[in-house]
């Protein structure tokens, strides 16, 4: 059996979680090198989780899960959040995206993953939209979580080198 034949259930599940329009879909596309998730400025574009199976050098067979925002509203939004919560239950490594100074929901999700003993990687996303390149938010996240977040800008292709992500994945998995 080749690595490409590995069933999804036997792959390491790496879920991306964050607010609507925090850059989850763009990051999945950048990490996979494919347009697997629809990217739009319209909040709530991702409705159901998007799964992308692939191989990561040094890790093996994985599946990335692009989820809807956990801050969605209304009846349809509630259904999207429920799908995100289901995806969280099958996640082996959680990537939580922070994109603004109000970190309340993000910190709650990190705590939820920690309680379930799911390793977490914190990512400051959309740093190209931040005056200081995300440094202030990175300090706040670092203080709140006692972990160093990765700084990422998909638009500027910064922070997307697979080496730091691989190291973060390996560190989070241990």
C-alpha atoms as a PDB file:
ATOM      1  CA  UNK A   1       0.000   0.000   0.000  1.00  0.00           C
ATOM      2  CA  UNK A   2       1.405   3.424  -0.913  1.00  0.00           C
ATOM      3  CA  UNK A   3       1.086   6.521   1.282  1.00  0.00           C
ATOM      4  CA  UNK A   4      -1.524   7.862  -1.142  1.00  0.00           C
ATOM      5  CA  UNK A   5      -3.664   4.824  -0.396  1.00  0.00           C
ATOM      6  CA  UNK A   6      -3.735   5.533   3.342  1.00  0.00           C
ATOM      7  CA  UNK A   7      -7.385   5.808   4.444  1.00  0.00           C
ATOM      8  CA  UNK A   8      -8.427   9.155   5.900  1.00  0.00           C
ATOM      9  CA  UNK A   9      -9.084   7.552   9.294  1.00  0.00           C
ATOM     10  CA  UNK A  10      -5.425   6.459   9.478  1.00  0.00           C
ATOM     11  CA  UNK A  11      -4.031   9.928   8.743  1.00  0.00           C
ATOM     12  CA  UNK A  12      -2.972  12.608  11.206  1.00  0.00           C
ATOM     13  CA  UNK A  13      -5.843  15.134  11.253  1.00  0.00           C
ATOM     14  CA  UNK A  14      -4.688  18.763  11.332  1.00  0.00           C
ATOM     15  CA  UNK A  15      -7.639  21.100  11.886  1.00  0.00           C
ATOM     16  CA  UNK A  16      -7.615  24.851  11.308  1.00  0.00           C
ATOM     17  CA  UNK A  17      -9.861  26.854  13.616  1.00  0.00           C
ATOM     18  CA  UNK A  18     -10.559  30.569  13.927  1.00  0.00           C
ATOM     19  CA  UNK A  19     -13.060  33.322  13.366  1.00  0.00           C
ATOM     20  CA  UNK A  20     -14.810  33.848  10.067  1.00  0.00           C
ATOM     21  CA  UNK A  21     -12.437  35.421   7.541  1.00  0.00           C
ATOM     22  CA  UNK A  22      -9.376  34.869   9.736  1.00  0.00           C
ATOM     23  CA  UNK A  23      -7.492  33.222   6.869  1.00  0.00           C
ATOM     24  CA  UNK A  24      -8.123  29.518   7.494  1.00  0.00           C
ATOM     25  CA  UNK A  25      -9.008  28.661   3.887  1.00  0.00           C
ATOM     26  CA  UNK A  26      -6.134  30.733   2.481  1.00  0.00           C
ATOM     27  CA  UNK A  27      -3.721  28.988   4.846  1.00  0.00           C
ATOM     28  CA  UNK A  28      -4.986  25.517   3.886  1.00  0.00           C
ATOM     29  CA  UNK A  29      -4.530  26.405   0.219  1.00  0.00           C
ATOM     30  CA  UNK A  30      -1.020  27.732   0.867  1.00  0.00           C
ATOM     31  CA  UNK A  31       0.063  24.729   2.956  1.00  0.00           C
ATOM     32  CA  UNK A  32      -1.275  22.209   0.454  1.00  0.00           C
ATOM     33  CA  UNK A  33      -0.134  24.125  -2.619  1.00  0.00           C
ATOM     34  CA  UNK A  34      -3.608  23.680  -4.108  1.00  0.00           C
ATOM     35  CA  UNK A  35      -6.874  25.585  -4.279  1.00  0.00           C
ATOM     36  CA  UNK A  36      -8.837  23.094  -2.165  1.00  0.00           C
ATOM     37  CA  UNK A  37     -10.862  25.652  -0.189  1.00  0.00           C
ATOM     38  CA  UNK A  38     -12.893  28.557  -1.510  1.00  0.00           C
ATOM     39  CA  UNK A  39     -11.503  31.924  -0.406  1.00  0.00           C
ATOM     40  CA  UNK A  40     -13.768  34.955  -0.262  1.00  0.00           C
ATOM     41  CA  UNK A  41     -14.116  38.240   1.600  1.00  0.00           C
ATOM     42  CA  UNK A  42     -17.695  37.204   2.393  1.00  0.00           C
ATOM     43  CA  UNK A  43     -17.924  35.925   5.995  1.00  0.00           C
ATOM     44  CA  UNK A  44     -19.299  32.393   6.241  1.00  0.00           C
ATOM     45  CA  UNK A  45     -18.056  31.183   2.854  1.00  0.00           C
ATOM     46  CA  UNK A  46     -16.867  27.879   4.339  1.00  0.00           C
ATOM     47  CA  UNK A  47     -19.988  26.031   5.422  1.00  0.00           C
ATOM     48  CA  UNK A  48     -18.932  22.411   5.834  1.00  0.00           C
ATOM     49  CA  UNK A  49     -15.418  21.318   6.754  1.00  0.00           C
ATOM     50  CA  UNK A  50     -13.125  20.852   3.751  1.00  0.00           C
ATOM     51  CA  UNK A  51     -10.782  17.843   3.971  1.00  0.00           C
ATOM     52  CA  UNK A  52      -7.527  17.600   2.016  1.00  0.00           C
ATOM     53  CA  UNK A  53      -5.439  14.448   2.304  1.00  0.00           C
ATOM     54  CA  UNK A  54      -1.758  14.690   1.443  1.00  0.00           C
ATOM     55  CA  UNK A  55       1.731  13.668   2.514  1.00  0.00           C
ATOM     56  CA  UNK A  56       3.946  15.923   4.627  1.00  0.00           C
ATOM     57  CA  UNK A  57       7.641  15.169   4.351  1.00  0.00           C
ATOM     58  CA  UNK A  58       8.917  14.010   7.725  1.00  0.00           C
ATOM     59  CA  UNK A  59       5.428  13.390   9.101  1.00  0.00           C
ATOM     60  CA  UNK A  60       3.680  11.119   6.597  1.00  0.00           C
ATOM     61  CA  UNK A  61       0.021  10.914   5.638  1.00  0.00           C
ATOM     62  CA  UNK A  62      -2.085  13.790   6.970  1.00  0.00           C
ATOM     63  CA  UNK A  63      -5.422  15.386   6.292  1.00  0.00           C
ATOM     64  CA  UNK A  64      -5.942  19.127   6.663  1.00  0.00           C
ATOM     65  CA  UNK A  65      -9.395  20.211   7.834  1.00  0.00           C
ATOM     66  CA  UNK A  66     -10.561  23.722   6.927  1.00  0.00           C
ATOM     67  CA  UNK A  67     -13.443  24.647   9.221  1.00  0.00           C
ATOM     68  CA  UNK A  68     -16.089  27.361   9.307  1.00  0.00           C
ATOM     69  CA  UNK A  69     -15.589  30.217  11.747  1.00  0.00           C
ATOM     70  CA  UNK A  70     -16.446  29.544  15.362  1.00  0.00           C
ATOM     71  CA  UNK A  71     -17.954  33.025  15.701  1.00  0.00           C
ATOM     72  CA  UNK A  72     -20.810  32.502  13.242  1.00  0.00           C
ATOM     73  CA  UNK A  73     -24.291  33.906  13.870  1.00  0.00           C
ATOM     74  CA  UNK A  74     -27.907  33.041  13.195  1.00  0.00           C
ATOM     75  CA  UNK A  75     -29.535  29.667  12.563  1.00  0.00           C
ATOM     76  CA  UNK A  76     -27.305  28.759   9.617  1.00  0.00           C
ATOM     77  CA  UNK A  77     -24.273  30.016  11.536  1.00  0.00           C
ATOM     78  CA  UNK A  78     -25.166  27.764  14.455  1.00  0.00           C
ATOM     79  CA  UNK A  79     -25.190  24.766  12.090  1.00  0.00           C
ATOM     80  CA  UNK A  80     -21.757  25.770  10.742  1.00  0.00           C
ATOM     81  CA  UNK A  81     -20.364  26.044  14.281  1.00  0.00           C
ATOM     82  CA  UNK A  82     -21.768  22.591  15.089  1.00  0.00           C
ATOM     83  CA  UNK A  83     -19.870  21.177  12.078  1.00  0.00           C
ATOM     84  CA  UNK A  84     -16.723  22.915  13.343  1.00  0.00           C
ATOM     85  CA  UNK A  85     -17.234  21.339  16.768  1.00  0.00           C
ATOM     86  CA  UNK A  86     -17.570  17.889  15.152  1.00  0.00           C
ATOM     87  CA  UNK A  87     -14.352  18.471  13.206  1.00  0.00           C
ATOM     88  CA  UNK A  88     -12.628  19.429  16.475  1.00  0.00           C
ATOM     89  CA  UNK A  89     -13.439  15.997  17.880  1.00  0.00           C
ATOM     90  CA  UNK A  90     -11.509  14.267  15.082  1.00  0.00           C
ATOM     91  CA  UNK A  91      -8.567  16.678  15.153  1.00  0.00           C
ATOM     92  CA  UNK A  92      -5.155  15.330  16.221  1.00  0.00           C
ATOM     93  CA  UNK A  93      -3.362  18.706  15.990  1.00  0.00           C
ATOM     94  CA  UNK A  94      -5.274  21.993  16.169  1.00  0.00           C
ATOM     95  CA  UNK A  95      -4.051  25.118  14.401  1.00  0.00           C
ATOM     96  CA  UNK A  96      -5.832  28.094  15.990  1.00  0.00           C
ATOM     97  CA  UNK A  97      -5.677  31.336  14.025  1.00  0.00           C
ATOM     98  CA  UNK A  98      -5.585  34.665  15.864  1.00  0.00           C
ATOM     99  CA  UNK A  99      -6.373  37.691  13.719  1.00  0.00           C
ATOM    100  CA  UNK A 100      -7.357  40.512  16.059  1.00  0.00           C
ATOM    101  CA  UNK A 101      -6.799  41.744  19.605  1.00  0.00           C
ATOM    102  CA  UNK A 102     -10.058  40.271  20.932  1.00  0.00           C
ATOM    103  CA  UNK A 103      -8.790  36.757  21.635  1.00  0.00           C
ATOM    104  CA  UNK A 104     -11.602  35.566  23.893  1.00  0.00           C
ATOM    105  CA  UNK A 105     -13.012  32.907  21.593  1.00  0.00           C
ATOM    106  CA  UNK A 106      -9.611  31.768  20.364  1.00  0.00           C
ATOM    107  CA  UNK A 107      -8.334  31.326  23.928  1.00  0.00           C
ATOM    108  CA  UNK A 108     -11.478  29.362  24.766  1.00  0.00           C
ATOM    109  CA  UNK A 109     -10.852  27.001  21.851  1.00  0.00           C
ATOM    110  CA  UNK A 110      -7.203  26.548  22.810  1.00  0.00           C
ATOM    111  CA  UNK A 111      -8.304  25.637  26.341  1.00  0.00           C
ATOM    112  CA  UNK A 112     -10.872  23.209  24.930  1.00  0.00           C
ATOM    113  CA  UNK A 113      -8.153  21.488  22.876  1.00  0.00           C
ATOM    114  CA  UNK A 114      -5.778  21.416  25.825  1.00  0.00           C
ATOM    115  CA  UNK A 115      -8.434  19.785  28.021  1.00  0.00           C
ATOM    116  CA  UNK A 116      -8.881  17.061  25.406  1.00  0.00           C
ATOM    117  CA  UNK A 117      -5.060  16.722  25.220  1.00  0.00           C
ATOM    118  CA  UNK A 118      -5.030  17.824  21.566  1.00  0.00           C
ATOM    119  CA  UNK A 119      -1.767  19.609  20.699  1.00  0.00           C
ATOM    120  CA  UNK A 120      -2.251  23.218  19.597  1.00  0.00           C
ATOM    121  CA  UNK A 121      -0.293  25.480  17.265  1.00  0.00           C
ATOM    122  CA  UNK A 122      -1.086  29.194  17.564  1.00  0.00           C
ATOM    123  CA  UNK A 123      -0.876  31.225  14.351  1.00  0.00           C
ATOM    124  CA  UNK A 124      -1.098  34.986  13.973  1.00  0.00           C
ATOM    125  CA  UNK A 125      -2.748  35.225  10.576  1.00  0.00           C
ATOM    126  CA  UNK A 126      -3.131  38.054   8.103  1.00  0.00           C
ATOM    127  CA  UNK A 127      -0.090  39.853   9.500  1.00  0.00           C
ATOM    128  CA  UNK A 128       0.044  41.933   6.303  1.00  0.00           C
ATOM    129  CA  UNK A 129      -3.115  43.698   7.532  1.00  0.00           C
ATOM    130  CA  UNK A 130      -1.509  44.639  10.882  1.00  0.00           C
ATOM    131  CA  UNK A 131       0.500  47.848  11.301  1.00  0.00           C
ATOM    132  CA  UNK A 132       3.263  46.094  13.246  1.00  0.00           C
ATOM    133  CA  UNK A 133       3.203  42.849  11.267  1.00  0.00           C
ATOM    134  CA  UNK A 134       1.390  41.081  14.088  1.00  0.00           C
ATOM    135  CA  UNK A 135       4.103  41.577  16.721  1.00  0.00           C
ATOM    136  CA  UNK A 136       1.805  43.042  19.421  1.00  0.00           C
ATOM    137  CA  UNK A 137      -0.763  40.292  18.932  1.00  0.00           C
ATOM    138  CA  UNK A 138       2.010  37.679  18.977  1.00  0.00           C
ATOM    139  CA  UNK A 139       3.234  39.020  22.340  1.00  0.00           C
ATOM    140  CA  UNK A 140      -0.298  38.947  23.758  1.00  0.00           C
ATOM    141  CA  UNK A 141      -0.889  35.379  22.544  1.00  0.00           C
ATOM    142  CA  UNK A 142       2.506  34.295  23.854  1.00  0.00           C
ATOM    143  CA  UNK A 143       1.739  35.742  27.302  1.00  0.00           C
ATOM    144  CA  UNK A 144      -1.764  34.267  27.429  1.00  0.00           C
ATOM    145  CA  UNK A 145      -0.791  30.792  26.238  1.00  0.00           C
ATOM    146  CA  UNK A 146       2.888  30.457  27.160  1.00  0.00           C
ATOM    147  CA  UNK A 147       3.657  29.417  23.588  1.00  0.00           C
ATOM    148  CA  UNK A 148       5.251  31.232  20.695  1.00  0.00           C
ATOM    149  CA  UNK A 149       2.815  31.727  17.810  1.00  0.00           C
ATOM    150  CA  UNK A 150       3.806  31.518  14.163  1.00  0.00           C
ATOM    151  CA  UNK A 151       3.422  34.764  12.189  1.00  0.00           C
ATOM    152  CA  UNK A 152       1.816  34.215   8.785  1.00  0.00           C
ATOM    153  CA  UNK A 153       0.794  36.273   5.784  1.00  0.00           C
ATOM    154  CA  UNK A 154      -0.548  34.217   2.909  1.00  0.00           C
ATOM    155  CA  UNK A 155      -0.939  37.398   0.821  1.00  0.00           C
ATOM    156  CA  UNK A 156       2.788  38.161   1.138  1.00  0.00           C
ATOM    157  CA  UNK A 157       3.854  34.489   1.295  1.00  0.00           C
ATOM    158  CA  UNK A 158       5.506  35.121   4.674  1.00  0.00           C
ATOM    159  CA  UNK A 159       5.767  32.481   7.350  1.00  0.00           C
ATOM    160  CA  UNK A 160       4.694  29.739   4.971  1.00  0.00           C
ATOM    161  CA  UNK A 161       8.023  27.955   4.803  1.00  0.00           C
ATOM    162  CA  UNK A 162       7.097  24.362   5.569  1.00  0.00           C
ATOM    163  CA  UNK A 163      10.055  23.893   7.929  1.00  0.00           C
ATOM    164  CA  UNK A 164       8.632  25.969  10.841  1.00  0.00           C
ATOM    165  CA  UNK A 165       5.246  24.354  10.340  1.00  0.00           C
ATOM    166  CA  UNK A 166       6.788  20.885  10.335  1.00  0.00           C
ATOM    167  CA  UNK A 167       8.732  21.690  13.482  1.00  0.00           C
ATOM    168  CA  UNK A 168       5.590  23.080  15.110  1.00  0.00           C
ATOM    169  CA  UNK A 169       3.608  20.003  14.085  1.00  0.00           C
ATOM    170  CA  UNK A 170       6.293  17.679  15.437  1.00  0.00           C
ATOM    171  CA  UNK A 171       6.613  19.691  18.658  1.00  0.00           C
ATOM    172  CA  UNK A 172       2.826  19.819  19.118  1.00  0.00           C
ATOM    173  CA  UNK A 173       2.480  16.088  18.510  1.00  0.00           C
ATOM    174  CA  UNK A 174       4.901  15.229  21.346  1.00  0.00           C
END
